[in-house]
PDB file of all heavy atoms in Angstrom:
ATOM      1  N   GLY A   1     102.656  97.918  95.003  1.00  0.00           N
ATOM      2  CA  GLY A   1     103.707  96.935  94.999  1.00  0.00           C
ATOM      3  C   GLY A   1     103.247  95.684  95.807  1.00  0.00           C
ATOM      4  O   GLY A   1     102.954  95.854  96.985  1.00  0.00           O
ATOM      5  N   ILE A   2     103.187  94.548  95.182  1.00  0.00           N
ATOM      6  CA  ILE A   2     102.706  93.336  95.825  1.00  0.00           C
ATOM      7  C   ILE A   2     103.829  92.293  95.780  1.00  0.00           C
ATOM      8  O   ILE A   2     104.336  91.940  94.767  1.00  0.00           O
ATOM      9  CB  ILE A   2     101.439  92.752  95.169  1.00  0.00           C
ATOM     10  CG1 ILE A   2     100.355  93.805  95.088  1.00  0.00           C
ATOM     11  CG2 ILE A   2     101.006  91.494  95.861  1.00  0.00           C
ATOM     12  CD1 ILE A   2      99.167  93.340  94.258  1.00  0.00           C
ATOM     13  N   LEU A   3     104.239  91.905  96.987  1.00  0.00           N
ATOM     14  CA  LEU A   3     105.315  90.909  97.127  1.00  0.00           C
ATOM     15  C   LEU A   3     104.766  89.636  97.728  1.00  0.00           C
ATOM     16  O   LEU A   3     103.990  89.718  98.716  1.00  0.00           O
ATOM     17  CB  LEU A   3     106.433  91.473  98.036  1.00  0.00           C
ATOM     18  CG  LEU A   3     106.955  92.908  97.794  1.00  0.00           C
ATOM     19  CD1 LEU A   3     108.017  93.306  98.827  1.00  0.00           C
ATOM     20  CD2 LEU A   3     107.491  93.003  96.356  1.00  0.00           C
ATOM     21  N   ARG A   4     105.057  88.531  97.143  1.00  0.00           N
ATOM     22  CA  ARG A   4     104.447  87.244  97.593  1.00  0.00           C
ATOM     23  C   ARG A   4     105.574  86.177  97.738  1.00  0.00           C
ATOM     24  O   ARG A   4     106.513  86.136  96.931  1.00  0.00           O
ATOM     25  CB  ARG A   4     103.413  86.747  96.616  1.00  0.00           C
ATOM     26  CG  ARG A   4     102.257  87.702  96.440  1.00  0.00           C
ATOM     27  CD  ARG A   4     101.225  87.073  95.475  1.00  0.00           C
ATOM     28  NE  ARG A   4     100.178  87.980  95.065  1.00  0.00           N
ATOM     29  CZ  ARG A   4      98.969  88.035  95.652  1.00  0.00           C
ATOM     30  NH1 ARG A   4      98.699  87.261  96.691  1.00  0.00           N
ATOM     31  NH2 ARG A   4      98.020  88.853  95.200  1.00  0.00           N
ATOM     32  N   TYR A   5     105.385  85.319  98.734  1.00  0.00           N
ATOM     33  CA  TYR A   5     106.332  84.182  98.886  1.00  0.00           C
ATOM     34  C   TYR A   5     105.553  83.020  99.405  1.00  0.00           C
ATOM     35  O   TYR A   5     104.780  83.137 100.378  1.00  0.00           O
ATOM     36  CB  TYR A   5     107.453  84.580  99.870  1.00  0.00           C
ATOM     37  CG  TYR A   5     108.501  83.487 100.021  1.00  0.00           C
ATOM     38  CD1 TYR A   5     109.592  83.413  99.182  1.00  0.00           C
ATOM     39  CD2 TYR A   5     108.356  82.480 100.983  1.00  0.00           C
ATOM     40  CE1 TYR A   5     110.567  82.395  99.330  1.00  0.00           C
ATOM     41  CE2 TYR A   5     109.261  81.462 101.096  1.00  0.00           C
ATOM     42  CZ  TYR A   5     110.420  81.437 100.270  1.00  0.00           C
ATOM     43  OH  TYR A   5     111.317  80.426 100.389  1.00  0.00           O
ATOM     44  N   GLY A   6     105.792  81.852  98.812  1.00  0.00           N
ATOM     45  CA  GLY A   6     105.211  80.634  99.315  1.00  0.00           C
ATOM     46  C   GLY A   6     104.030  80.199  98.426  1.00  0.00           C
ATOM     47  O   GLY A   6     103.586  80.870  97.494  1.00  0.00           O
ATOM     48  N   SER A   7     103.564  78.951  98.754  1.00  0.00           N
ATOM     49  CA  SER A   7     102.456  78.378  97.940  1.00  0.00           C
ATOM     50  C   SER A   7     101.158  79.085  98.248  1.00  0.00           C
ATOM     51  O   SER A   7     101.027  79.810  99.243  1.00  0.00           O
ATOM     52  CB  SER A   7     102.309  76.919  98.284  1.00  0.00           C
ATOM     53  OG  SER A   7     101.850  76.721  99.609  1.00  0.00           O
ATOM     54  N   ASN A   8     100.112  78.778  97.473  1.00  0.00           N
ATOM     55  CA  ASN A   8      98.781  79.365  97.677  1.00  0.00           C
ATOM     56  C   ASN A   8      98.194  78.860  98.977  1.00  0.00           C
ATOM     57  O   ASN A   8      97.241  79.492  99.485  1.00  0.00           O
ATOM     58  CB  ASN A   8      97.893  79.052  96.487  1.00  0.00           C
ATOM     59  CG  ASN A   8      98.246  79.811  95.266  1.00  0.00           C
ATOM     60  OD1 ASN A   8      99.211  80.551  95.209  1.00  0.00           O
ATOM     61  ND2 ASN A   8      97.503  79.648  94.168  1.00  0.00           N
ATOM     62  N   ASP A   9      98.726  77.757  99.510  1.00  0.00           N
ATOM     63  CA  ASP A   9      98.183  77.199 100.799  1.00  0.00           C
ATOM     64  C   ASP A   9      98.641  77.989 102.004  1.00  0.00           C
ATOM     65  O   ASP A   9      97.986  78.013 103.014  1.00  0.00           O
ATOM     66  CB  ASP A   9      98.499  75.785 100.907  1.00  0.00           C
ATOM     67  CG  ASP A   9      97.860  74.898  99.877  1.00  0.00           C
ATOM     68  OD1 ASP A   9      96.722  75.215  99.423  1.00  0.00           O
ATOM     69  OD2 ASP A   9      98.419  73.876  99.450  1.00  0.00           O
ATOM     70  N   ASP A  10      99.854  78.577 101.858  1.00  0.00           N
ATOM     71  CA  ASP A  10     100.455  79.313 103.049  1.00  0.00           C
ATOM     72  C   ASP A  10     101.405  80.329 102.489  1.00  0.00           C
ATOM     73  O   ASP A  10     102.614  80.098 102.416  1.00  0.00           O
ATOM     74  CB  ASP A  10     101.195  78.318 103.925  1.00  0.00           C
ATOM     75  CG  ASP A  10     101.786  78.988 105.189  1.00  0.00           C
ATOM     76  OD1 ASP A  10     101.481  80.188 105.431  1.00  0.00           O
ATOM     77  OD2 ASP A  10     102.558  78.346 105.904  1.00  0.00           O
ATOM     78  N   GLN A  11     100.850  81.451 102.163  1.00  0.00           N
ATOM     79  CA  GLN A  11     101.586  82.500 101.415  1.00  0.00           C
ATOM     80  C   GLN A  11     101.751  83.728 102.204  1.00  0.00           C
ATOM     81  O   GLN A  11     100.827  84.211 102.889  1.00  0.00           O
ATOM     82  CB  GLN A  11     100.897  82.850 100.112  1.00  0.00           C
ATOM     83  CG  GLN A  11     101.663  83.829  99.230  1.00  0.00           C
ATOM     84  CD  GLN A  11     100.840  84.256  98.051  1.00  0.00           C
ATOM     85  OE1 GLN A  11     100.100  85.205  98.115  1.00  0.00           O
ATOM     86  NE2 GLN A  11     100.961  83.475  96.942  1.00  0.00           N
ATOM     87  N   GLN A  12     102.963  84.303 102.193  1.00  0.00           N
ATOM     88  CA  GLN A  12     103.191  85.624 102.707  1.00  0.00           C
ATOM     89  C   GLN A  12     102.871  86.609 101.562  1.00  0.00           C
ATOM     90  O   GLN A  12     103.248  86.370 100.387  1.00  0.00           O
ATOM     91  CB  GLN A  12     104.656  85.852 103.110  1.00  0.00           C
ATOM     92  CG  GLN A  12     105.056  85.128 104.384  1.00  0.00           C
ATOM     93  CD  GLN A  12     106.537  85.225 104.609  1.00  0.00           C
ATOM     94  OE1 GLN A  12     107.307  84.556 103.931  1.00  0.00           O
ATOM     95  NE2 GLN A  12     106.948  86.125 105.497  1.00  0.00           N
ATOM     96  N   ALA A  13     102.160  87.673 101.873  1.00  0.00           N
ATOM     97  CA  ALA A  13     101.799  88.673 100.942  1.00  0.00           C
ATOM     98  C   ALA A  13     102.000  90.034 101.566  1.00  0.00           C
ATOM     99  O   ALA A  13     101.402  90.343 102.648  1.00  0.00           O
ATOM    100  CB  ALA A  13     100.405  88.534 100.361  1.00  0.00           C
ATOM    101  N   LEU A  14     102.826  90.876 100.961  1.00  0.00           N
ATOM    102  CA  LEU A  14     103.034  92.238 101.523  1.00  0.00           C
ATOM    103  C   LEU A  14     102.695  93.177 100.428  1.00  0.00           C
ATOM    104  O   LEU A  14     103.116  93.063  99.244  1.00  0.00           O
ATOM    105  CB  LEU A  14     104.604  92.321 101.789  1.00  0.00           C
ATOM    106  CG  LEU A  14     105.037  93.632 102.483  1.00  0.00           C
ATOM    107  CD1 LEU A  14     104.513  93.694 103.939  1.00  0.00           C
ATOM    108  CD2 LEU A  14     106.546  93.704 102.440  1.00  0.00           C
ATOM    109  N   LEU A  15     101.879  94.208 100.715  1.00  0.00           N
ATOM    110  CA  LEU A  15     101.422  95.200  99.796  1.00  0.00           C
ATOM    111  C   LEU A  15     101.751  96.567 100.276  1.00  0.00           C
ATOM    112  O   LEU A  15     101.582  96.884 101.477  1.00  0.00           O
ATOM    113  CB  LEU A  15      99.887  95.105  99.583  1.00  0.00           C
ATOM    114  CG  LEU A  15      99.252  96.082  98.600  1.00  0.00           C
ATOM    115  CD1 LEU A  15      98.100  95.430  97.866  1.00  0.00           C
ATOM    116  CD2 LEU A  15      98.733  97.357  99.293  1.00  0.00           C
ATOM    117  N   ILE A  16     102.340  97.343  99.396  1.00  0.00           N
ATOM    118  CA  ILE A  16     102.560  98.786  99.631  1.00  0.00           C
ATOM    119  C   ILE A  16     101.705  99.610  98.673  1.00  0.00           C
ATOM    120  O   ILE A  16     101.775  99.435  97.514  1.00  0.00           O
ATOM    121  CB  ILE A  16     104.064  99.141  99.440  1.00  0.00           C
ATOM    122  CG1 ILE A  16     104.963  98.374 100.376  1.00  0.00           C
ATOM    123  CG2 ILE A  16     104.266 100.630  99.584  1.00  0.00           C
ATOM    124  CD1 ILE A  16     104.733  98.687 101.875  1.00  0.00           C
ATOM    125  N   LYS A  17     100.881 100.496  99.264  1.00  0.00           N
ATOM    126  CA  LYS A  17     100.012 101.321  98.459  1.00  0.00           C
ATOM    127  C   LYS A  17     100.746 102.655  98.149  1.00  0.00           C
ATOM    128  O   LYS A  17     100.910 103.482  99.054  1.00  0.00           O
ATOM    129  CB  LYS A  17      98.696 101.587  99.159  1.00  0.00           C
ATOM    130  CG  LYS A  17      97.733 102.380  98.276  1.00  0.00           C
ATOM    131  CD  LYS A  17      96.549 102.870  99.073  1.00  0.00           C
ATOM    132  CE  LYS A  17      95.667 103.790  98.180  1.00  0.00           C
ATOM    133  NZ  LYS A  17      94.674 104.453  98.907  1.00  0.00           N
ATOM    134  N   ALA A  18     101.160 102.774  96.924  1.00  0.00           N
ATOM    135  CA  ALA A  18     101.782 104.021  96.480  1.00  0.00           C
ATOM    136  C   ALA A  18     101.005 104.510  95.283  1.00  0.00           C
ATOM    137  O   ALA A  18     101.648 104.979  94.272  1.00  0.00           O
ATOM    138  CB  ALA A  18     103.226 103.802  96.205  1.00  0.00           C
ATOM    139  N   ALA A  19      99.748 104.384  95.298  1.00  0.00           N
ATOM    140  CA  ALA A  19      98.888 104.759  94.124  1.00  0.00           C
ATOM    141  C   ALA A  19      98.319 106.120  94.277  1.00  0.00           C
ATOM    142  O   ALA A  19      98.523 106.789  95.301  1.00  0.00           O
ATOM    143  CB  ALA A  19      97.746 103.712  94.021  1.00  0.00           C
ATOM    144  N   SER A  20      97.538 106.583  93.287  1.00  0.00           N
ATOM    145  CA  SER A  20      96.872 107.862  93.322  1.00  0.00           C
ATOM    146  C   SER A  20      95.714 107.866  94.326  1.00  0.00           C
ATOM    147  O   SER A  20      95.435 106.793  94.950  1.00  0.00           O
ATOM    148  CB  SER A  20      96.375 108.259  91.969  1.00  0.00           C
ATOM    149  OG  SER A  20      95.391 107.364  91.498  1.00  0.00           O
ATOM    150  N   GLN A  21      95.065 108.935  94.546  1.00  0.00           N
ATOM    151  CA  GLN A  21      94.048 109.061  95.562  1.00  0.00           C
ATOM    152  C   GLN A  21      92.876 108.129  95.402  1.00  0.00           C
ATOM    153  O   GLN A  21      92.323 107.608  96.379  1.00  0.00           O
ATOM    154  CB  GLN A  21      93.517 110.512  95.654  1.00  0.00           C
ATOM    155  CG  GLN A  21      92.494 110.775  96.719  1.00  0.00           C
ATOM    156  CD  GLN A  21      92.982 110.586  98.095  1.00  0.00           C
ATOM    157  OE1 GLN A  21      94.168 110.562  98.339  1.00  0.00           O
ATOM    158  NE2 GLN A  21      92.039 110.475  99.071  1.00  0.00           N
ATOM    159  N   GLY A  22      92.492 107.852  94.161  1.00  0.00           N
ATOM    160  CA  GLY A  22      91.339 106.935  93.915  1.00  0.00           C
ATOM    161  C   GLY A  22      90.036 107.700  93.966  1.00  0.00           C
ATOM    162  O   GLY A  22      88.978 107.092  94.349  1.00  0.00           O
ATOM    163  N   MET A  23      90.019 108.965  93.593  1.00  0.00           N
ATOM    164  CA  MET A  23      88.851 109.758  93.527  1.00  0.00           C
ATOM    165  C   MET A  23      88.077 109.830  94.848  1.00  0.00           C
ATOM    166  O   MET A  23      88.727 109.736  95.929  1.00  0.00           O
ATOM    167  CB  MET A  23      87.921 109.340  92.358  1.00  0.00           C
ATOM    168  CG  MET A  23      88.622 109.427  91.019  1.00  0.00           C
ATOM    169  SD  MET A  23      87.531 109.290  89.555  1.00  0.00           S
ATOM    170  CE  MET A  23      86.989 107.613  89.689  1.00  0.00           C
ATOM    171  N   GLY A  24      86.769 109.917  94.881  1.00  0.00           N
ATOM    172  CA  GLY A  24      86.023 110.101  96.133  1.00  0.00           C
ATOM    173  C   GLY A  24      86.057 108.942  97.097  1.00  0.00           C
ATOM    174  O   GLY A  24      85.845 109.091  98.249  1.00  0.00           O
ATOM    175  N   HIS A  25      86.431 107.763  96.544  1.00  0.00           N
ATOM    176  CA  HIS A  25      86.492 106.578  97.412  1.00  0.00           C
ATOM    177  C   HIS A  25      87.869 106.350  97.964  1.00  0.00           C
ATOM    178  O   HIS A  25      88.135 105.368  98.648  1.00  0.00           O
ATOM    179  CB  HIS A  25      86.035 105.340  96.665  1.00  0.00           C
ATOM    180  CG  HIS A  25      84.506 105.273  96.471  1.00  0.00           C
ATOM    181  ND1 HIS A  25      83.642 105.211  97.508  1.00  0.00           N
ATOM    182  CD2 HIS A  25      83.781 105.327  95.330  1.00  0.00           C
ATOM    183  CE1 HIS A  25      82.378 105.214  97.080  1.00  0.00           C
ATOM    184  NE2 HIS A  25      82.454 105.248  95.713  1.00  0.00           N
TER     185      HIS A  25
END
């Protein structure tokens, strides 16, 4: 889940990782 607010010059970005394991990495 990626939440963003603001222009590309000064942006808030919040990420929640609720994905699968991603194998060995």
